[in-house]
């Protein structure tokens, strides 16, 4: 018996609002459709994390080299998760 595929979205280096005012609508649509959103760092501001965490069904994130103290306190440097028996 097969289960429905899990939809994953990988984001990184969003640099909001330093390099862009906001994430494009196309990205938000992908967030809304994803079962799990991974963010590989360089959020730049905690508000970007808050907004994505509020909207994603499940969020797995880490801090990046451009992220400050607050994001480093809230996020791990390395994240490991298992989803349906697959380790990431």
PDB file of N, CA and C in Angstrom:
ATOM      1  N   UNK A   1       0.848  -1.179   0.000  1.00  0.00           N
ATOM      2  CA  UNK A   1       0.000   0.000   0.000  1.00  0.00           C
ATOM      3  C   UNK A   1       0.893   1.241   0.000  1.00  0.00           C
ATOM      4  N   UNK A   2       0.765   2.070  -0.993  1.00  0.00           N
ATOM      5  CA  UNK A   2       1.606   3.259  -1.068  1.00  0.00           C
ATOM      6  C   UNK A   2       0.890   4.457  -0.465  1.00  0.00           C
ATOM      7  N   UNK A   3       1.676   5.338   0.103  1.00  0.00           N
ATOM      8  CA  UNK A   3       1.111   6.559   0.662  1.00  0.00           C
ATOM      9  C   UNK A   3       1.358   7.704  -0.319  1.00  0.00           C
ATOM     10  N   UNK A   4       0.676   8.791  -0.080  1.00  0.00           N
ATOM     11  CA  UNK A   4       0.850   9.960  -0.942  1.00  0.00           C
ATOM     12  C   UNK A   4       2.264  10.509  -0.787  1.00  0.00           C
ATOM     13  N   UNK A   5       2.833  11.039  -1.852  1.00  0.00           N
ATOM     14  CA  UNK A   5       4.176  11.610  -1.748  1.00  0.00           C
ATOM     15  C   UNK A   5       4.183  12.819  -0.812  1.00  0.00           C
ATOM     16  N   UNK A   6       5.302  13.007  -0.169  1.00  0.00           N
ATOM     17  CA  UNK A   6       5.477  14.170   0.697  1.00  0.00           C
ATOM     18  C   UNK A   6       6.113  15.274  -0.131  1.00  0.00           C
ATOM     19  N   UNK A   7       5.548  16.454  -0.038  1.00  0.00           N
ATOM     20  CA  UNK A   7       6.064  17.598  -0.791  1.00  0.00           C
ATOM     21  C   UNK A   7       7.042  18.376   0.083  1.00  0.00           C
ATOM     22  N   UNK A   8       8.292  18.443  -0.376  1.00  0.00           N
ATOM     23  CA  UNK A   8       9.347  19.144   0.336  1.00  0.00           C
ATOM     24  C   UNK A   8       9.708  20.417  -0.417  1.00  0.00           C
ATOM     25  N   UNK A   9      10.034  21.448   0.336  1.00  0.00           N
ATOM     26  CA  UNK A   9      10.504  22.700  -0.256  1.00  0.00           C
ATOM     27  C   UNK A   9      11.803  23.076   0.438  1.00  0.00           C
ATOM     28  N   UNK A  10      12.824  23.361  -0.335  1.00  0.00           N
ATOM     29  CA  UNK A  10      14.109  23.776   0.209  1.00  0.00           C
ATOM     30  C   UNK A  10      14.364  25.233  -0.155  1.00  0.00           C
ATOM     31  N   UNK A  11      14.596  26.035   0.874  1.00  0.00           N
ATOM     32  CA  UNK A  11      14.920  27.449   0.696  1.00  0.00           C
ATOM     33  C   UNK A  11      16.254  27.736   1.367  1.00  0.00           C
ATOM     34  N   UNK A  12      16.924  28.764   0.908  1.00  0.00           N
ATOM     35  CA  UNK A  12      18.155  29.222   1.551  1.00  0.00           C
ATOM     36  C   UNK A  12      18.451  30.634   1.075  1.00  0.00           C
ATOM     37  N   UNK A  13      19.256  31.325   1.843  1.00  0.00           N
ATOM     38  CA  UNK A  13      19.739  32.650   1.454  1.00  0.00           C
ATOM     39  C   UNK A  13      18.615  33.594   1.040  1.00  0.00           C
ATOM     40  N   UNK A  14      17.562  33.619   1.833  1.00  0.00           N
ATOM     41  CA  UNK A  14      16.436  34.486   1.497  1.00  0.00           C
ATOM     42  C   UNK A  14      16.779  35.955   1.718  1.00  0.00           C
ATOM     43  N   UNK A  15      17.630  36.266   2.675  1.00  0.00           N
ATOM     44  CA  UNK A  15      18.125  37.626   2.905  1.00  0.00           C
ATOM     45  C   UNK A  15      17.020  38.675   2.899  1.00  0.00           C
ATOM     46  N   UNK A  16      15.893  38.354   3.524  1.00  0.00           N
ATOM     47  CA  UNK A  16      14.783  39.309   3.609  1.00  0.00           C
ATOM     48  C   UNK A  16      14.932  40.068   4.922  1.00  0.00           C
ATOM     49  N   UNK A  17      14.823  41.370   4.951  1.00  0.00           N
ATOM     50  CA  UNK A  17      14.563  42.309   3.858  1.00  0.00           C
ATOM     51  C   UNK A  17      15.816  42.978   3.308  1.00  0.00           C
ATOM     52  N   UNK A  18      16.982  42.436   3.572  1.00  0.00           N
ATOM     53  CA  UNK A  18      18.229  43.092   3.147  1.00  0.00           C
ATOM     54  C   UNK A  18      18.377  43.136   1.623  1.00  0.00           C
ATOM     55  N   UNK A  19      18.109  42.029   0.943  1.00  0.00           N
ATOM     56  CA  UNK A  19      18.286  41.985  -0.516  1.00  0.00           C
ATOM     57  C   UNK A  19      16.968  42.019  -1.276  1.00  0.00           C
ATOM     58  N   UNK A  20      15.893  41.684  -0.592  1.00  0.00           N
ATOM     59  CA  UNK A  20      14.554  41.751  -1.194  1.00  0.00           C
ATOM     60  C   UNK A  20      13.591  42.179  -0.102  1.00  0.00           C
ATOM     61  N   UNK A  21      12.565  42.902  -0.466  1.00  0.00           N
ATOM     62  CA  UNK A  21      11.599  43.363   0.538  1.00  0.00           C
ATOM     63  C   UNK A  21      10.816  42.221   1.150  1.00  0.00           C
ATOM     64  N   UNK A  22      10.507  41.244   0.336  1.00  0.00           N
ATOM     65  CA  UNK A  22       9.693  40.108   0.796  1.00  0.00           C
ATOM     66  C   UNK A  22       9.941  38.929  -0.134  1.00  0.00           C
ATOM     67  N   UNK A  23       9.529  37.772   0.323  1.00  0.00           N
ATOM     68  CA  UNK A  23       9.602  36.598  -0.553  1.00  0.00           C
ATOM     69  C   UNK A  23       8.561  36.738  -1.655  1.00  0.00           C
ATOM     70  N   UNK A  24       8.869  36.316  -2.861  1.00  0.00           N
ATOM     71  CA  UNK A  24       7.915  36.409  -3.969  1.00  0.00           C
ATOM     72  C   UNK A  24       6.669  35.552  -3.718  1.00  0.00           C
ATOM     73  N   UNK A  25       5.579  35.941  -4.327  1.00  0.00           N
ATOM     74  CA  UNK A  25       4.311  35.206  -4.192  1.00  0.00           C
ATOM     75  C   UNK A  25       4.474  33.745  -4.599  1.00  0.00           C
ATOM     76  N   UNK A  26       5.284  33.481  -5.600  1.00  0.00           N
ATOM     77  CA  UNK A  26       5.519  32.106  -6.054  1.00  0.00           C
ATOM     78  C   UNK A  26       6.127  31.260  -4.931  1.00  0.00           C
ATOM     79  N   UNK A  27       7.019  31.839  -4.145  1.00  0.00           N
ATOM     80  CA  UNK A  27       7.615  31.110  -3.021  1.00  0.00           C
ATOM     81  C   UNK A  27       6.555  30.833  -1.965  1.00  0.00           C
ATOM     82  N   UNK A  28       5.721  31.828  -1.660  1.00  0.00           N
ATOM     83  CA  UNK A  28       4.669  31.615  -0.657  1.00  0.00           C
ATOM     84  C   UNK A  28       3.676  30.546  -1.105  1.00  0.00           C
ATOM     85  N   UNK A  29       3.370  30.477  -2.392  1.00  0.00           N
ATOM     86  CA  UNK A  29       2.494  29.410  -2.888  1.00  0.00           C
ATOM     87  C   UNK A  29       3.143  28.051  -2.666  1.00  0.00           C
ATOM     88  N   UNK A  30       4.437  27.970  -2.932  1.00  0.00           N
ATOM     89  CA  UNK A  30       5.157  26.710  -2.709  1.00  0.00           C
ATOM     90  C   UNK A  30       5.180  26.346  -1.226  1.00  0.00           C
ATOM     91  N   UNK A  31       5.335  27.329  -0.349  1.00  0.00           N
ATOM     92  CA  UNK A  31       5.276  27.087   1.103  1.00  0.00           C
ATOM     93  C   UNK A  31       3.917  26.526   1.474  1.00  0.00           C
ATOM     94  N   UNK A  32       2.865  27.133   0.951  1.00  0.00           N
ATOM     95  CA  UNK A  32       1.500  26.688   1.259  1.00  0.00           C
ATOM     96  C   UNK A  32       1.247  25.258   0.790  1.00  0.00           C
ATOM     97  N   UNK A  33       1.886  24.842  -0.287  1.00  0.00           N
ATOM     98  CA  UNK A  33       1.672  23.506  -0.848  1.00  0.00           C
ATOM     99  C   UNK A  33       2.587  22.443  -0.240  1.00  0.00           C
ATOM    100  N   UNK A  34       3.657  22.857   0.414  1.00  0.00           N
ATOM    101  CA  UNK A  34       4.655  21.911   0.932  1.00  0.00           C
ATOM    102  C   UNK A  34       4.200  21.281   2.246  1.00  0.00           C
ATOM    103  N   UNK A  35       4.559  20.027   2.412  1.00  0.00           N
ATOM    104  CA  UNK A  35       4.334  19.355   3.688  1.00  0.00           C
ATOM    105  C   UNK A  35       5.432  19.721   4.683  1.00  0.00           C
ATOM    106  N   UNK A  36       6.648  19.886   4.178  1.00  0.00           N
ATOM    107  CA  UNK A  36       7.788  20.268   5.013  1.00  0.00           C
ATOM    108  C   UNK A  36       8.600  21.312   4.254  1.00  0.00           C
ATOM    109  N   UNK A  37       8.951  22.384   4.954  1.00  0.00           N
ATOM    110  CA  UNK A  37       9.809  23.420   4.392  1.00  0.00           C
ATOM    111  C   UNK A  37      11.148  23.368   5.126  1.00  0.00           C
ATOM    112  N   UNK A  38      12.226  23.270   4.357  1.00  0.00           N
ATOM    113  CA  UNK A  38      13.575  23.331   4.904  1.00  0.00           C
ATOM    114  C   UNK A  38      14.158  24.693   4.550  1.00  0.00           C
ATOM    115  N   UNK A  39      14.784  25.344   5.516  1.00  0.00           N
ATOM    116  CA  UNK A  39      15.490  26.599   5.233  1.00  0.00           C
ATOM    117  C   UNK A  39      16.930  26.424   5.691  1.00  0.00           C
ATOM    118  N   UNK A  40      17.868  26.576   4.765  1.00  0.00           N
ATOM    119  CA  UNK A  40      19.275  26.288   5.022  1.00  0.00           C
ATOM    120  C   UNK A  40      20.085  27.506   5.461  1.00  0.00           C
ATOM    121  N   UNK A  41      19.423  28.515   5.998  1.00  0.00           N
ATOM    122  CA  UNK A  41      20.134  29.628   6.610  1.00  0.00           C
ATOM    123  C   UNK A  41      20.196  30.892   5.787  1.00  0.00           C
ATOM    124  N   UNK A  42      20.731  31.927   6.442  1.00  0.00           N
ATOM    125  CA  UNK A  42      20.791  33.296   5.931  1.00  0.00           C
ATOM    126  C   UNK A  42      19.395  33.894   5.782  1.00  0.00           C
ATOM    127  N   UNK A  43      18.706  33.871   6.907  1.00  0.00           N
ATOM    128  CA  UNK A  43      17.390  34.503   7.026  1.00  0.00           C
ATOM    129  C   UNK A  43      17.550  36.017   7.061  1.00  0.00           C
ATOM    130  N   UNK A  44      18.525  36.488   7.824  1.00  0.00           N
ATOM    131  CA  UNK A  44      18.893  37.879   8.079  1.00  0.00           C
ATOM    132  C   UNK A  44      18.130  38.495   9.240  1.00  0.00           C
ATOM    133  N   UNK A  45      16.816  38.314   9.318  1.00  0.00           N
ATOM    134  CA  UNK A  45      16.045  38.911  10.420  1.00  0.00           C
ATOM    135  C   UNK A  45      15.098  37.876  11.023  1.00  0.00           C
ATOM    136  N   UNK A  46      14.861  37.958  12.338  1.00  0.00           N
ATOM    137  CA  UNK A  46      13.960  37.006  12.990  1.00  0.00           C
ATOM    138  C   UNK A  46      12.537  37.030  12.436  1.00  0.00           C
ATOM    139  N   UNK A  47      12.102  38.162  11.937  1.00  0.00           N
ATOM    140  CA  UNK A  47      10.749  38.258  11.387  1.00  0.00           C
ATOM    141  C   UNK A  47      10.554  37.316  10.205  1.00  0.00           C
ATOM    142  N   UNK A  48      11.600  37.090   9.433  1.00  0.00           N
ATOM    143  CA  UNK A  48      11.505  36.145   8.310  1.00  0.00           C
ATOM    144  C   UNK A  48      11.252  34.735   8.829  1.00  0.00           C
ATOM    145  N   UNK A  49      11.942  34.363   9.896  1.00  0.00           N
ATOM    146  CA  UNK A  49      11.710  33.062  10.536  1.00  0.00           C
ATOM    147  C   UNK A  49      10.289  32.980  11.079  1.00  0.00           C
ATOM    148  N   UNK A  50       9.844  34.021  11.758  1.00  0.00           N
ATOM    149  CA  UNK A  50       8.499  34.026  12.341  1.00  0.00           C
ATOM    150  C   UNK A  50       7.421  33.866  11.277  1.00  0.00           C
ATOM    151  N   UNK A  51       7.571  34.599  10.185  1.00  0.00           N
ATOM    152  CA  UNK A  51       6.578  34.542   9.112  1.00  0.00           C
ATOM    153  C   UNK A  51       6.542  33.161   8.461  1.00  0.00           C
ATOM    154  N   UNK A  52       7.695  32.604   8.210  1.00  0.00           N
ATOM    155  CA  UNK A  52       7.746  31.280   7.592  1.00  0.00           C
ATOM    156  C   UNK A  52       7.234  30.213   8.555  1.00  0.00           C
ATOM    157  N   UNK A  53       7.587  30.317   9.825  1.00  0.00           N
ATOM    158  CA  UNK A  53       7.120  29.349  10.829  1.00  0.00           C
ATOM    159  C   UNK A  53       5.603  29.392  10.977  1.00  0.00           C
ATOM    160  N   UNK A  54       5.022  30.572  10.856  1.00  0.00           N
ATOM    161  CA  UNK A  54       3.573  30.709  10.985  1.00  0.00           C
ATOM    162  C   UNK A  54       2.837  30.116   9.788  1.00  0.00           C
ATOM    163  N   UNK A  55       3.484  30.110   8.655  1.00  0.00           N
ATOM    164  CA  UNK A  55       2.801  29.699   7.430  1.00  0.00           C
ATOM    165  C   UNK A  55       3.076  28.256   7.015  1.00  0.00           C
ATOM    166  N   UNK A  56       4.246  27.741   7.338  1.00  0.00           N
ATOM    167  CA  UNK A  56       4.626  26.384   6.927  1.00  0.00           C
ATOM    168  C   UNK A  56       3.924  25.343   7.793  1.00  0.00           C
ATOM    169  N   UNK A  57       3.535  24.241   7.187  1.00  0.00           N
ATOM    170  CA  UNK A  57       2.970  23.130   7.964  1.00  0.00           C
ATOM    171  C   UNK A  57       4.001  22.589   8.931  1.00  0.00           C
ATOM    172  N   UNK A  58       5.217  22.422   8.438  1.00  0.00           N
ATOM    173  CA  UNK A  58       6.339  21.989   9.265  1.00  0.00           C
ATOM    174  C   UNK A  58       7.580  22.680   8.731  1.00  0.00           C
ATOM    175  N   UNK A  59       8.351  23.255   9.632  1.00  0.00           N
ATOM    176  CA  UNK A  59       9.549  23.993   9.244  1.00  0.00           C
ATOM    177  C   UNK A  59      10.769  23.383   9.915  1.00  0.00           C
ATOM    178  N   UNK A  60      11.796  23.145   9.118  1.00  0.00           N
ATOM    179  CA  UNK A  60      13.092  22.695   9.620  1.00  0.00           C
ATOM    180  C   UNK A  60      14.095  23.739   9.145  1.00  0.00           C
ATOM    181  N   UNK A  61      14.743  24.405  10.080  1.00  0.00           N
ATOM    182  CA  UNK A  61      15.660  25.465   9.692  1.00  0.00           C
ATOM    183  C   UNK A  61      16.933  25.468  10.505  1.00  0.00           C
ATOM    184  N   UNK A  62      17.935  26.105   9.946  1.00  0.00           N
ATOM    185  CA  UNK A  62      19.219  26.311  10.608  1.00  0.00           C
ATOM    186  C   UNK A  62      19.635  27.761  10.393  1.00  0.00           C
ATOM    187  N   UNK A  63      20.591  28.209  11.216  1.00  0.00           N
ATOM    188  CA  UNK A  63      21.108  29.555  10.995  1.00  0.00           C
ATOM    189  C   UNK A  63      22.241  29.508   9.973  1.00  0.00           C
ATOM    190  N   UNK A  64      22.460  30.651   9.333  1.00  0.00           N
ATOM    191  CA  UNK A  64      23.529  30.748   8.345  1.00  0.00           C
ATOM    192  C   UNK A  64      24.578  31.761   8.765  1.00  0.00           C
ATOM    193  N   UNK A  65      25.626  31.886   7.984  1.00  0.00           N
ATOM    194  CA  UNK A  65      26.738  32.765   8.344  1.00  0.00           C
ATOM    195  C   UNK A  65      26.369  34.244   8.365  1.00  0.00           C
ATOM    196  N   UNK A  66      25.266  34.634   7.755  1.00  0.00           N
ATOM    197  CA  UNK A  66      24.825  36.028   7.771  1.00  0.00           C
ATOM    198  C   UNK A  66      23.766  36.301   8.825  1.00  0.00           C
ATOM    199  N   UNK A  67      23.464  35.321   9.660  1.00  0.00           N
ATOM    200  CA  UNK A  67      22.430  35.476  10.682  1.00  0.00           C
ATOM    201  C   UNK A  67      23.054  35.896  12.008  1.00  0.00           C
ATOM    202  N   UNK A  68      22.371  36.823  12.683  1.00  0.00           N
ATOM    203  CA  UNK A  68      22.873  37.376  13.935  1.00  0.00           C
ATOM    204  C   UNK A  68      22.549  36.525  15.150  1.00  0.00           C
ATOM    205  N   UNK A  69      22.833  37.106  16.305  1.00  0.00           N
ATOM    206  CA  UNK A  69      22.732  36.396  17.584  1.00  0.00           C
ATOM    207  C   UNK A  69      21.331  35.861  17.861  1.00  0.00           C
ATOM    208  N   UNK A  70      20.290  36.647  17.584  1.00  0.00           N
ATOM    209  CA  UNK A  70      18.931  36.186  17.903  1.00  0.00           C
ATOM    210  C   UNK A  70      18.555  34.943  17.098  1.00  0.00           C
ATOM    211  N   UNK A  71      18.860  34.936  15.824  1.00  0.00           N
ATOM    212  CA  UNK A  71      18.563  33.757  15.010  1.00  0.00           C
ATOM    213  C   UNK A  71      19.424  32.573  15.435  1.00  0.00           C
ATOM    214  N   UNK A  72      20.653  32.822  15.807  1.00  0.00           N
ATOM    215  CA  UNK A  72      21.534  31.738  16.262  1.00  0.00           C
ATOM    216  C   UNK A  72      21.060  31.153  17.588  1.00  0.00           C
ATOM    217  N   UNK A  73      20.389  31.960  18.398  1.00  0.00           N
ATOM    218  CA  UNK A  73      19.811  31.450  19.646  1.00  0.00           C
ATOM    219  C   UNK A  73      18.573  30.599  19.383  1.00  0.00           C
ATOM    220  N   UNK A  74      17.839  30.930  18.351  1.00  0.00           N
ATOM    221  CA  UNK A  74      16.566  30.257  18.070  1.00  0.00           C
ATOM    222  C   UNK A  74      16.696  29.040  17.162  1.00  0.00           C
ATOM    223  N   UNK A  75      17.759  28.984  16.396  1.00  0.00           N
ATOM    224  CA  UNK A  75      17.921  27.914  15.408  1.00  0.00           C
ATOM    225  C   UNK A  75      19.219  27.153  15.653  1.00  0.00           C
ATOM    226  N   UNK A  76      19.246  25.880  15.292  1.00  0.00           N
ATOM    227  CA  UNK A  76      20.495  25.128  15.410  1.00  0.00           C
ATOM    228  C   UNK A  76      21.426  25.423  14.232  1.00  0.00           C
ATOM    229  N   UNK A  77      22.681  25.066  14.407  1.00  0.00           N
ATOM    230  CA  UNK A  77      23.627  25.159  13.295  1.00  0.00           C
ATOM    231  C   UNK A  77      23.414  24.000  12.323  1.00  0.00           C
ATOM    232  N   UNK A  78      23.028  22.849  12.866  1.00  0.00           N
ATOM    233  CA  UNK A  78      22.755  21.650  12.076  1.00  0.00           C
ATOM    234  C   UNK A  78      21.415  21.089  12.530  1.00  0.00           C
ATOM    235  N   UNK A  79      20.563  20.734  11.595  1.00  0.00           N
ATOM    236  CA  UNK A  79      19.272  20.114  11.923  1.00  0.00           C
ATOM    237  C   UNK A  79      19.210  18.746  11.261  1.00  0.00           C
ATOM    238  N   UNK A  80      18.761  17.785  12.024  1.00  0.00           N
ATOM    239  CA  UNK A  80      18.559  16.431  11.488  1.00  0.00           C
ATOM    240  C   UNK A  80      17.135  16.018  11.791  1.00  0.00           C
ATOM    241  N   UNK A  81      16.442  15.532  10.778  1.00  0.00           N
ATOM    242  CA  UNK A  81      15.066  15.075  10.956  1.00  0.00           C
ATOM    243  C   UNK A  81      14.864  13.776  10.193  1.00  0.00           C
ATOM    244  N   UNK A  82      13.861  13.045  10.606  1.00  0.00           N
ATOM    245  CA  UNK A  82      13.458  11.840   9.883  1.00  0.00           C
ATOM    246  C   UNK A  82      12.005  12.014   9.477  1.00  0.00           C
ATOM    247  N   UNK A  83      11.745  11.796   8.206  1.00  0.00           N
ATOM    248  CA  UNK A  83      10.398  11.933   7.664  1.00  0.00           C
ATOM    249  C   UNK A  83      10.069  10.653   6.921  1.00  0.00           C
ATOM    250  N   UNK A  84       9.065   9.964   7.382  1.00  0.00           N
ATOM    251  CA  UNK A  84       8.657   8.688   6.786  1.00  0.00           C
ATOM    252  C   UNK A  84       9.834   7.735   6.586  1.00  0.00           C
ATOM    253  N   UNK A  85      10.692   7.651   7.590  1.00  0.00           N
ATOM    254  CA  UNK A  85      11.811   6.724   7.543  1.00  0.00           C
ATOM    255  C   UNK A  85      13.029   7.204   6.781  1.00  0.00           C
ATOM    256  N   UNK A  86      12.973   8.407   6.234  1.00  0.00           N
ATOM    257  CA  UNK A  86      14.104   8.966   5.496  1.00  0.00           C
ATOM    258  C   UNK A  86      14.744  10.056   6.352  1.00  0.00           C
ATOM    259  N   UNK A  87      16.054   9.957   6.531  1.00  0.00           N
ATOM    260  CA  UNK A  87      16.770  10.946   7.339  1.00  0.00           C
ATOM    261  C   UNK A  87      17.334  12.059   6.471  1.00  0.00           C
ATOM    262  N   UNK A  88      17.175  13.267   6.973  1.00  0.00           N
ATOM    263  CA  UNK A  88      17.695  14.467   6.308  1.00  0.00           C
ATOM    264  C   UNK A  88      18.644  15.165   7.260  1.00  0.00           C
TER     265      UNK A  88
END
